[in-house]
Amino acid sequence: MSWQFNRHANESHLSQPFSVSFSPSQRIAITGAGIVSPLGLGWEANECSLAADRSAFRPVDFFDTTGLIAKTAGVVDLPAESPFHRISPHKQGHVDRGTRMLLLAIREALAQAGRQGMEGIDALVIGTSAGAMPLGESYFENARHDSGRIPSQLSRAEHYQPQRQMNSIADEFGWRGPVIIVSNACASGANAIGWAADMIRSGRCKRVLAGGFDALARLVFAGFDSLRALAPSGIPRPFDAQRDGLALGEGAAVMLLEAEDARQSDALGDVAGYSTATDLHHLTQPDPEGKAAIRTMTSACAQAGVSPAQIGYINSHGTGTPFNDVAEASAIAAWAGDVVATIPVSSTKSAMGHLLGGAGAVEAVICLMALRGQWLPASLNVRTIDAAVRFDLVQKFRTARFEHALTNSFGFGGTNATLVLQRRTA
């Protein structure tokens, strides 16, 4: 396995893109995909919602938003019955909302690949930012109000950790393989998929289930609200000149990735390129010039063996915050150069909100859906396009013919990730 670092003069190596070098002809097949988002449960429901330019924001009613600026979010309608069938009711009581979404996405991905369980899968790589934060919140609330012995307090403290939630997933399938948890803010889901692809490219694995998840949590919601990052109206408007913030959402998505020489199912598409980099600029604000984003887009495309002109769609990070959208628009323009005006770009966060650790995985599955269906999802709620936008901003669902899609995910702390997906025609 050889690691590829691109070094530039007068720049720290810590901010350089990180990727595995390999032949562009090597294929990492996606044989199954599952998605749960505020737009619906499963591939078909999400595809129908995106085709209808539907948004999914509503008042948050499962925690108190009194005193907060924002009151709405992208909320998933989870079924009342538990998706867990094999673990005990006692263990199910320790499973949080986000992990239930993740299990639904895993089941869909496995079913799409023609699998009943996780047998034959070499590793599980999952990205999350908040984990099972609501269990930690419950622990704190109980401890604050009652210093005495409270039933299940120890379990709340134990199971809010993401590794304990992943144990519940493993128990459900009777699976004892390695679990890798990626947690680097809003790039977690994309980095989990990229890392899984690199595990296959390196020869360490033949088959990896990868994705990301996060559920709405009061502490996270209040944190973004205190930063004044949330849109007061509750409706985000990515790349609009008068945008005033993001909206939070929740969801999960996973992909089953297989080495081409070990593939046991029909391929839906390929993970053709991946790169990650750190911009070392600010804890919560992106580098205004988008230097790390330029690096990840450039390196991911180089790994995929494609030029900017061959990218037929970009699912942008596009949060709707004043700083992020300008930085990303500038980065896309610098990366694409003379062809920037021909590249369609949209932000599906405009329809479902920012899913944090689940965002990169959900948006990667949306890119896969778009490649399969040959259509482009829209950036909703745009009134006046920001002057920094030089690309083709998709404002209504439309059909298109293209072979490659790129998705960007940027997180607090300066973490950046880019994935390039390729259409499968045979």
Protein backbone atom coordinates (compact mmCIF):
# COMPACT_ATOMS: atom_id res chain seq x y z
CA MET A 1 0.00 0.00 0.00
CA SER A 2 1.49 3.34 -1.00
CA TRP A 3 0.30 6.64 0.43
CA GLN A 4 0.24 9.68 -1.81
CA PHE A 5 0.97 13.14 -0.39
CA ASN A 6 1.11 16.14 -2.71
CA ARG A 7 3.55 18.70 -1.28
CA HIS A 8 3.46 22.38 -2.18
CA ALA A 9 6.09 24.94 -1.35
CA ASN A 10 5.58 27.00 1.82
CA GLU A 11 2.53 24.98 2.88
CA SER A 12 2.25 22.60 5.81
CA HIS A 13 2.03 18.92 4.93
CA LEU A 14 -0.90 18.70 7.36
CA SER A 15 -3.08 20.58 4.88
CA GLN A 16 -2.27 18.37 1.90
CA PRO A 17 -4.77 15.93 0.38
CA PHE A 18 -4.51 12.35 1.57
CA SER A 19 -5.36 9.49 -0.74
CA VAL A 20 -4.25 6.05 -1.79
CA SER A 21 -2.46 5.89 -5.13
CA PHE A 22 -3.84 3.25 -7.49
CA SER A 23 -4.50 2.59 -11.14
CA PRO A 24 -7.49 4.57 -12.50
CA SER A 25 -8.71 1.31 -14.02
CA GLN A 26 -9.21 -0.26 -10.59
CA ARG A 27 -12.92 -0.28 -9.73
CA ILE A 28 -14.59 -0.06 -6.32
CA ALA A 29 -18.13 -1.22 -6.96
CA ILE A 30 -21.18 -0.03 -5.05
CA THR A 31 -23.49 -3.04 -4.92
CA GLY A 32 -26.05 -1.80 -2.41
CA ALA A 33 -27.18 1.52 -0.94
CA GLY A 34 -29.61 2.50 1.76
CA ILE A 35 -30.87 5.94 2.71
CA VAL A 36 -33.05 7.44 5.45
CA SER A 37 -33.64 11.19 5.38
CA PRO A 38 -36.30 13.78 6.18
CA LEU A 39 -37.44 13.29 2.56
CA GLY A 40 -38.36 9.67 3.21
CA LEU A 41 -37.39 6.15 4.21
CA GLY A 42 -35.52 4.38 1.43
CA TRP A 43 -34.24 4.99 -2.08
CA GLU A 44 -37.64 5.23 -3.80
CA ALA A 45 -39.16 7.69 -1.33
CA ASN A 46 -36.12 9.98 -1.49
CA GLU A 47 -35.97 9.84 -5.28
CA CYS A 48 -39.66 10.78 -5.54
CA SER A 49 -39.21 13.70 -3.11
CA LEU A 50 -36.17 15.04 -4.96
CA ALA A 51 -38.00 14.76 -8.28
CA ALA A 52 -40.86 16.79 -6.82
CA ASP A 53 -38.54 19.52 -5.43
CA ARG A 54 -40.02 18.81 -2.00
CA SER A 55 -38.59 20.21 1.23
CA ALA A 56 -39.02 18.60 4.62
CA PHE A 57 -38.76 21.20 7.36
CA ARG A 58 -41.15 21.29 10.30
CA PRO A 59 -41.24 22.37 13.95
CA VAL A 60 -39.10 20.26 16.28
CA ASP A 61 -41.39 18.62 18.84
CA PHE A 62 -39.27 16.02 20.65
CA PHE A 63 -37.15 18.50 22.60
CA ASP A 64 -37.82 22.00 23.89
CA THR A 65 -36.78 24.85 21.58
CA THR A 66 -37.95 27.60 23.95
CA GLY A 67 -35.50 30.49 23.91
CA LEU A 68 -33.82 29.37 20.71
CA ILE A 69 -33.85 31.41 17.51
CA ALA A 70 -34.60 28.46 15.25
CA LYS A 71 -37.59 26.17 15.82
CA THR A 72 -37.59 23.90 12.78
CA ALA A 73 -35.46 21.14 11.31
CA GLY A 74 -35.51 18.31 8.81
CA VAL A 75 -37.16 15.54 10.84
CA VAL A 76 -37.28 11.86 9.90
CA ASP A 77 -40.62 10.06 10.26
CA LEU A 78 -39.45 6.84 11.87
CA PRO A 79 -41.84 3.89 12.02
CA ALA A 80 -43.27 3.19 15.46
CA GLU A 81 -42.04 -0.38 15.50
CA SER A 82 -38.37 -1.07 16.17
CA PRO A 83 -36.25 -2.17 13.20
CA PHE A 84 -34.32 -4.47 15.57
CA HIS A 85 -35.59 -8.04 15.57
CA ARG A 86 -32.87 -10.16 17.16
CA ILE A 87 -31.66 -8.26 20.21
CA SER A 88 -33.61 -8.26 23.46
CA PRO A 89 -36.14 -5.56 24.38
CA HIS A 90 -33.80 -4.55 27.19
CA LYS A 91 -30.96 -3.90 24.74
CA GLN A 92 -33.32 -2.12 22.38
CA GLY A 93 -34.06 0.35 25.17
CA HIS A 94 -30.45 1.52 24.91
CA VAL A 95 -30.58 2.12 21.15
CA ASP A 96 -30.94 5.75 20.14
CA ARG A 97 -32.96 7.30 17.34
CA GLY A 98 -30.00 7.75 15.01
CA THR A 99 -28.93 4.11 15.27
CA ARG A 100 -32.44 3.01 14.32
CA MET A 101 -32.09 5.13 11.17
CA LEU A 102 -28.72 3.56 10.50
CA LEU A 103 -30.10 0.04 10.84
CA LEU A 104 -32.89 0.83 8.35
CA ALA A 105 -30.30 2.12 5.87
CA ILE A 106 -28.11 -0.96 6.39
CA ARG A 107 -31.05 -3.30 5.81
CA GLU A 108 -31.91 -1.54 2.55
CA ALA A 109 -28.30 -1.64 1.34
CA LEU A 110 -27.97 -5.34 2.12
CA ALA A 111 -31.32 -6.14 0.47
CA GLN A 112 -30.35 -4.19 -2.64
CA ALA A 113 -27.17 -6.27 -2.83
CA GLY A 114 -29.19 -9.48 -2.43
CA ARG A 115 -27.91 -10.21 1.08
CA GLN A 116 -29.79 -11.39 4.15
CA GLY A 117 -27.10 -10.35 6.62
CA MET A 118 -23.51 -9.21 7.05
CA GLU A 119 -21.81 -12.54 6.47
CA GLY A 120 -18.86 -12.11 4.12
CA ILE A 121 -18.44 -8.40 4.89
CA ASP A 122 -14.91 -7.63 6.05
CA ALA A 123 -15.49 -4.38 7.96
CA LEU A 124 -18.05 -1.79 9.02
CA VAL A 125 -16.95 1.86 8.71
CA ILE A 126 -19.42 4.42 10.07
CA GLY A 127 -19.16 8.19 10.41
CA THR A 128 -21.00 10.21 13.03
CA SER A 129 -20.62 13.56 14.71
CA ALA A 130 -23.00 13.46 17.67
CA GLY A 131 -23.37 9.70 18.15
CA ALA A 132 -26.19 8.92 20.56
CA MET A 133 -26.09 12.37 22.14
CA PRO A 134 -29.72 12.28 23.37
CA LEU A 135 -28.79 9.46 25.79
CA GLY A 136 -26.03 11.66 27.19
CA GLU A 137 -28.48 14.52 27.51
CA SER A 138 -30.87 12.26 29.40
CA TYR A 139 -28.08 11.21 31.75
CA PHE A 140 -27.23 14.85 32.46
CA GLU A 141 -30.85 15.87 33.04
CA ASN A 142 -31.41 13.02 35.48
CA ALA A 143 -28.17 13.74 37.34
CA ARG A 144 -28.97 17.44 37.56
CA HIS A 145 -32.41 16.93 39.04
CA ASP A 146 -31.79 13.93 41.31
CA SER A 147 -28.55 13.04 43.02
CA GLY A 148 -29.95 9.69 44.17
CA ARG A 149 -29.90 6.34 42.43
CA ILE A 150 -31.70 6.57 39.08
CA PRO A 151 -32.55 3.43 37.09
CA SER A 152 -30.50 2.92 33.91
CA GLN A 153 -28.24 5.92 34.54
CA LEU A 154 -25.09 3.87 34.00
CA SER A 155 -26.54 2.50 30.77
CA ARG A 156 -27.26 6.02 29.53
CA ALA A 157 -23.67 7.05 30.20
CA GLU A 158 -22.35 3.94 28.52
CA HIS A 159 -24.57 3.76 25.45
CA TYR A 160 -24.40 7.37 24.31
CA GLN A 161 -20.96 6.49 22.99
CA PRO A 162 -21.08 5.58 19.28
CA GLN A 163 -19.07 2.39 19.69
CA ARG A 164 -21.76 0.99 22.00
CA GLN A 165 -24.41 1.83 19.43
CA MET A 166 -22.42 -0.01 16.76
CA ASN A 167 -22.29 -3.02 19.07
CA SER A 168 -26.09 -3.07 18.90
CA ILE A 169 -25.90 -3.19 15.09
CA ALA A 170 -23.34 -6.00 15.25
CA ASP A 171 -25.46 -7.93 17.77
CA GLU A 172 -28.50 -7.64 15.53
CA PHE A 173 -26.64 -9.42 12.73
CA GLY A 174 -24.55 -11.70 14.90
CA TRP A 175 -21.49 -10.14 13.29
CA ARG A 176 -18.05 -9.96 14.94
CA GLY A 177 -15.93 -8.19 12.35
CA PRO A 178 -14.00 -4.94 12.81
CA VAL A 179 -15.91 -1.70 13.37
CA ILE A 180 -14.26 1.61 12.52
CA ILE A 181 -15.91 4.84 13.66
CA VAL A 182 -15.00 8.08 11.90
CA SER A 183 -15.84 11.30 13.73
CA ASN A 184 -14.55 14.49 12.16
CA ALA A 185 -17.63 16.68 12.19
CA CYS A 186 -19.66 17.15 9.03
CA ALA A 187 -17.21 15.29 6.80
CA SER A 188 -17.57 12.08 8.83
CA GLY A 189 -19.93 10.21 6.48
CA ALA A 190 -17.95 11.06 3.35
CA ASN A 191 -14.66 10.16 5.00
CA ALA A 192 -16.11 6.84 6.17
CA ILE A 193 -16.99 5.91 2.58
CA GLY A 194 -13.63 7.14 1.32
CA TRP A 195 -11.74 5.25 3.99
CA ALA A 196 -13.70 2.08 3.19
CA ALA A 197 -12.82 2.43 -0.49
CA ASP A 198 -9.16 2.87 0.45
CA MET A 199 -9.30 -0.30 2.56
CA ILE A 200 -10.38 -2.20 -0.55
CA ARG A 201 -7.82 -0.49 -2.82
CA SER A 202 -5.07 -1.41 -0.38
CA GLY A 203 -6.01 -5.08 -0.54
CA ARG A 204 -6.88 -5.27 3.16
CA CYS A 205 -10.56 -5.90 2.46
CA LYS A 206 -12.77 -7.17 -0.33
CA ARG A 207 -16.11 -6.01 0.96
CA VAL A 208 -16.90 -3.08 3.32
CA LEU A 209 -20.18 -1.57 4.52
CA ALA A 210 -19.71 2.17 5.00
CA GLY A 211 -21.76 5.29 5.65
CA GLY A 212 -22.83 7.77 8.28
CA PHE A 213 -25.63 8.87 10.56
CA ASP A 214 -26.74 11.50 13.04
CA ALA A 215 -30.03 12.27 14.76
CA LEU A 216 -31.25 15.61 16.00
CA ALA A 217 -30.09 16.35 19.54
CA ARG A 218 -30.97 19.24 21.82
CA LEU A 219 -27.36 20.01 22.76
CA VAL A 220 -26.22 20.11 19.12
CA PHE A 221 -29.25 22.17 18.08
CA ALA A 222 -28.65 24.69 20.89
CA GLY A 223 -24.95 24.84 20.04
CA PHE A 224 -25.56 25.78 16.42
CA ASP A 225 -28.23 28.22 17.57
CA SER A 226 -25.81 29.90 20.00
CA LEU A 227 -23.33 30.32 17.14
CA ARG A 228 -26.16 32.04 15.24
CA ALA A 229 -25.51 29.58 12.42
CA LEU A 230 -29.17 28.54 12.06
CA ALA A 231 -31.53 30.36 9.72
CA PRO A 232 -34.10 32.26 11.83
CA SER A 233 -36.79 31.41 9.30
CA GLY A 234 -35.92 27.72 9.56
CA ILE A 235 -35.49 27.54 5.78
CA PRO A 236 -31.93 27.44 4.40
CA ARG A 237 -31.13 29.12 1.08
CA PRO A 238 -27.73 27.87 -0.11
CA PHE A 239 -26.03 30.19 -2.61
CA ASP A 240 -28.73 32.85 -2.27
CA ALA A 241 -27.37 36.37 -1.93
CA GLN A 242 -29.48 36.93 1.22
CA ARG A 243 -28.94 33.53 2.86
CA ASP A 244 -28.94 33.73 6.65
CA GLY A 245 -27.97 30.32 7.96
CA LEU A 246 -28.40 26.59 7.81
CA ALA A 247 -31.10 24.26 9.05
CA LEU A 248 -30.30 21.05 10.86
CA GLY A 249 -31.65 17.67 9.88
CA GLU A 250 -31.12 14.01 10.64
CA GLY A 251 -30.64 10.84 8.68
CA ALA A 252 -28.43 7.93 7.71
CA ALA A 253 -27.03 6.31 4.59
CA VAL A 254 -24.73 3.40 3.83
CA MET A 255 -23.11 1.80 0.80
CA LEU A 256 -21.86 -1.73 0.35
CA LEU A 257 -18.51 -1.44 -1.44
CA GLU A 258 -16.91 -4.45 -3.12
CA ALA A 259 -13.67 -5.08 -4.95
CA GLU A 260 -14.40 -5.75 -8.60
CA ASP A 261 -12.63 -9.11 -8.52
CA ALA A 262 -14.76 -10.23 -5.56
CA ARG A 263 -18.07 -8.65 -6.51
CA GLN A 264 -21.06 -10.91 -5.85
CA SER A 265 -23.85 -8.54 -6.90
CA ASP A 266 -24.66 -6.21 -9.79
CA ALA A 267 -22.94 -2.85 -9.43
CA LEU A 268 -24.96 0.35 -9.07
CA GLY A 269 -21.93 2.55 -9.64
CA ASP A 270 -18.32 3.02 -8.53
CA VAL A 271 -16.48 5.05 -5.94
CA ALA A 272 -13.88 6.33 -8.37
CA GLY A 273 -12.00 8.90 -6.30
CA TYR A 274 -11.58 10.19 -2.76
CA SER A 275 -9.45 12.75 -0.99
CA THR A 276 -9.38 14.51 2.35
CA ALA A 277 -7.46 17.55 3.59
CA THR A 278 -7.42 20.07 6.42
CA ASP A 279 -7.46 23.81 5.84
CA LEU A 280 -6.03 24.87 9.26
CA HIS A 281 -7.97 28.13 9.19
CA HIS A 282 -10.57 28.36 11.99
CA LEU A 283 -12.56 26.14 14.32
CA THR A 284 -15.95 26.99 12.80
CA GLN A 285 -15.27 29.07 9.69
CA PRO A 286 -13.94 27.78 6.35
CA ASP A 287 -10.88 29.17 4.64
CA PRO A 288 -12.32 32.03 2.52
CA GLU A 289 -10.20 30.91 -0.43
CA GLY A 290 -11.22 27.28 -0.03
CA LYS A 291 -7.63 26.03 -0.42
CA ALA A 292 -8.22 22.62 1.14
CA ALA A 293 -11.43 22.19 -0.85
CA ILE A 294 -9.53 22.89 -4.06
CA ARG A 295 -6.98 20.27 -3.03
CA THR A 296 -9.54 17.57 -2.27
CA MET A 297 -11.49 18.16 -5.50
CA THR A 298 -8.28 18.13 -7.53
CA SER A 299 -6.87 15.04 -5.84
CA ALA A 300 -10.14 13.06 -5.90
CA CYS A 301 -10.53 13.75 -9.62
CA ALA A 302 -6.91 12.80 -10.25
CA GLN A 303 -7.50 9.52 -8.45
CA ALA A 304 -10.61 8.94 -10.54
CA GLY A 305 -8.74 9.82 -13.72
CA VAL A 306 -11.14 12.60 -14.71
CA SER A 307 -10.91 16.34 -15.35
CA PRO A 308 -13.33 19.00 -14.09
CA ALA A 309 -14.91 19.04 -17.56
CA GLN A 310 -15.93 15.41 -17.07
CA ILE A 311 -17.81 16.07 -13.82
CA GLY A 312 -21.48 16.22 -14.75
CA TYR A 313 -22.84 17.15 -11.34
CA ILE A 314 -21.57 18.46 -7.99
CA ASN A 315 -23.53 17.93 -4.80
CA SER A 316 -22.07 20.83 -2.85
CA HIS A 317 -21.57 21.10 0.89
CA GLY A 318 -23.79 24.18 0.48
CA THR A 319 -25.00 24.87 4.01
CA GLY A 320 -26.60 28.27 3.43
CA THR A 321 -24.28 30.13 5.80
CA PRO A 322 -22.68 33.35 4.52
CA PHE A 323 -19.07 32.16 4.90
CA ASN A 324 -19.39 28.56 3.69
CA ASP A 325 -21.18 29.20 0.42
CA VAL A 326 -18.80 31.91 -0.78
CA ALA A 327 -15.76 29.81 0.14
CA GLU A 328 -17.10 26.76 -1.67
CA ALA A 329 -18.20 28.76 -4.71
CA SER A 330 -14.71 30.28 -4.93
CA ALA A 331 -13.10 26.86 -4.56
CA ILE A 332 -15.23 25.32 -7.29
CA ALA A 333 -14.42 28.21 -9.63
CA ALA A 334 -10.67 27.94 -8.96
CA TRP A 335 -10.72 24.15 -9.36
CA ALA A 336 -12.86 24.10 -12.54
CA GLY A 337 -11.27 27.07 -14.27
CA ASP A 338 -12.66 27.86 -17.72
CA VAL A 339 -15.31 25.11 -17.59
CA VAL A 340 -16.93 26.23 -14.32
CA ALA A 341 -20.01 27.71 -16.05
CA THR A 342 -20.84 24.33 -17.59
CA ILE A 343 -20.86 22.33 -14.33
CA PRO A 344 -24.28 21.83 -12.67
CA VAL A 345 -24.18 22.28 -8.88
CA SER A 346 -26.85 22.06 -6.19
CA SER A 347 -27.19 21.70 -2.45
CA THR A 348 -29.69 19.07 -1.30
CA LYS A 349 -29.35 20.50 2.23
CA SER A 350 -31.83 23.06 0.96
CA ALA A 351 -34.47 20.31 1.02
CA MET A 352 -33.59 18.29 4.13
CA GLY A 353 -31.17 20.33 6.23
CA HIS A 354 -27.64 19.61 7.34
CA LEU A 355 -27.40 16.02 8.58
CA LEU A 356 -23.98 16.57 10.20
CA GLY A 357 -22.14 13.23 10.43
CA GLY A 358 -24.72 11.68 8.12
CA ALA A 359 -24.59 14.43 5.49
CA GLY A 360 -21.68 13.17 3.41
CA ALA A 361 -23.06 9.63 3.23
CA VAL A 362 -26.61 10.72 2.37
CA GLU A 363 -25.34 13.10 -0.29
CA ALA A 364 -23.11 10.38 -1.77
CA VAL A 365 -26.15 8.10 -2.10
CA ILE A 366 -28.08 10.97 -3.71
CA CYS A 367 -25.24 11.31 -6.25
CA LEU A 368 -25.52 7.58 -6.93
CA MET A 369 -29.28 7.91 -7.39
CA ALA A 370 -28.76 10.83 -9.78
CA LEU A 371 -26.21 8.89 -11.82
CA ARG A 372 -28.52 5.89 -12.02
CA GLY A 373 -31.56 7.96 -12.97
CA GLN A 374 -29.72 10.57 -15.06
CA TRP A 375 -31.23 13.54 -13.28
CA LEU A 376 -30.10 16.49 -11.16
CA PRO A 377 -31.61 17.48 -7.79
CA ALA A 378 -32.29 21.13 -7.11
CA SER A 379 -31.08 23.86 -4.79
CA LEU A 380 -34.37 25.12 -3.41
CA ASN A 381 -35.42 28.48 -1.94
CA VAL A 382 -33.01 30.59 -4.04
CA ARG A 383 -34.33 34.07 -4.84
CA THR A 384 -31.21 35.92 -6.00
CA ILE A 385 -28.07 33.95 -6.84
CA ASP A 386 -24.97 35.15 -4.98
CA ALA A 387 -22.42 37.00 -7.10
CA ALA A 388 -19.74 34.46 -6.13
CA VAL A 389 -21.58 31.71 -8.00
CA ARG A 390 -20.06 31.09 -11.42
CA PHE A 391 -21.30 27.54 -11.92
CA ASP A 392 -24.66 26.32 -13.22
CA LEU A 393 -26.82 26.41 -10.09
CA VAL A 394 -29.63 23.87 -10.49
CA GLN A 395 -32.81 25.44 -9.11
CA LYS A 396 -35.35 22.89 -10.35
CA PHE A 397 -35.15 19.13 -10.79
CA ARG A 398 -34.08 18.29 -14.32
CA THR A 399 -32.85 15.40 -16.42
CA ALA A 400 -29.25 15.23 -17.62
CA ARG A 401 -26.76 12.86 -19.18
CA PHE A 402 -23.53 12.46 -17.24
CA GLU A 403 -21.01 9.82 -16.14
CA HIS A 404 -19.37 11.30 -13.04
CA ALA A 405 -20.65 13.10 -9.95
CA LEU A 406 -18.63 14.81 -7.23
CA THR A 407 -19.74 15.50 -3.67
CA ASN A 408 -18.08 17.83 -1.16
CA SER A 409 -18.27 17.62 2.62
CA PHE A 410 -16.63 20.20 4.90
CA GLY A 411 -16.61 20.11 8.69
CA PHE A 412 -15.80 22.25 11.70
CA GLY A 413 -12.10 22.29 12.45
CA GLY A 414 -11.25 22.56 8.76
CA THR A 415 -11.75 18.96 7.68
CA ASN A 416 -12.61 18.59 3.99
CA ALA A 417 -13.57 15.51 1.98
CA THR A 418 -14.45 14.93 -1.67
CA LEU A 419 -15.82 11.78 -3.29
CA VAL A 420 -16.12 11.13 -7.03
CA LEU A 421 -18.73 8.57 -8.10
CA GLN A 422 -18.92 6.99 -11.54
CA ARG A 423 -21.93 5.64 -13.40
CA ARG A 424 -22.10 1.96 -14.24
CA THR A 425 -23.46 1.03 -17.65
CA ALA A 426 -22.53 -2.66 -17.52
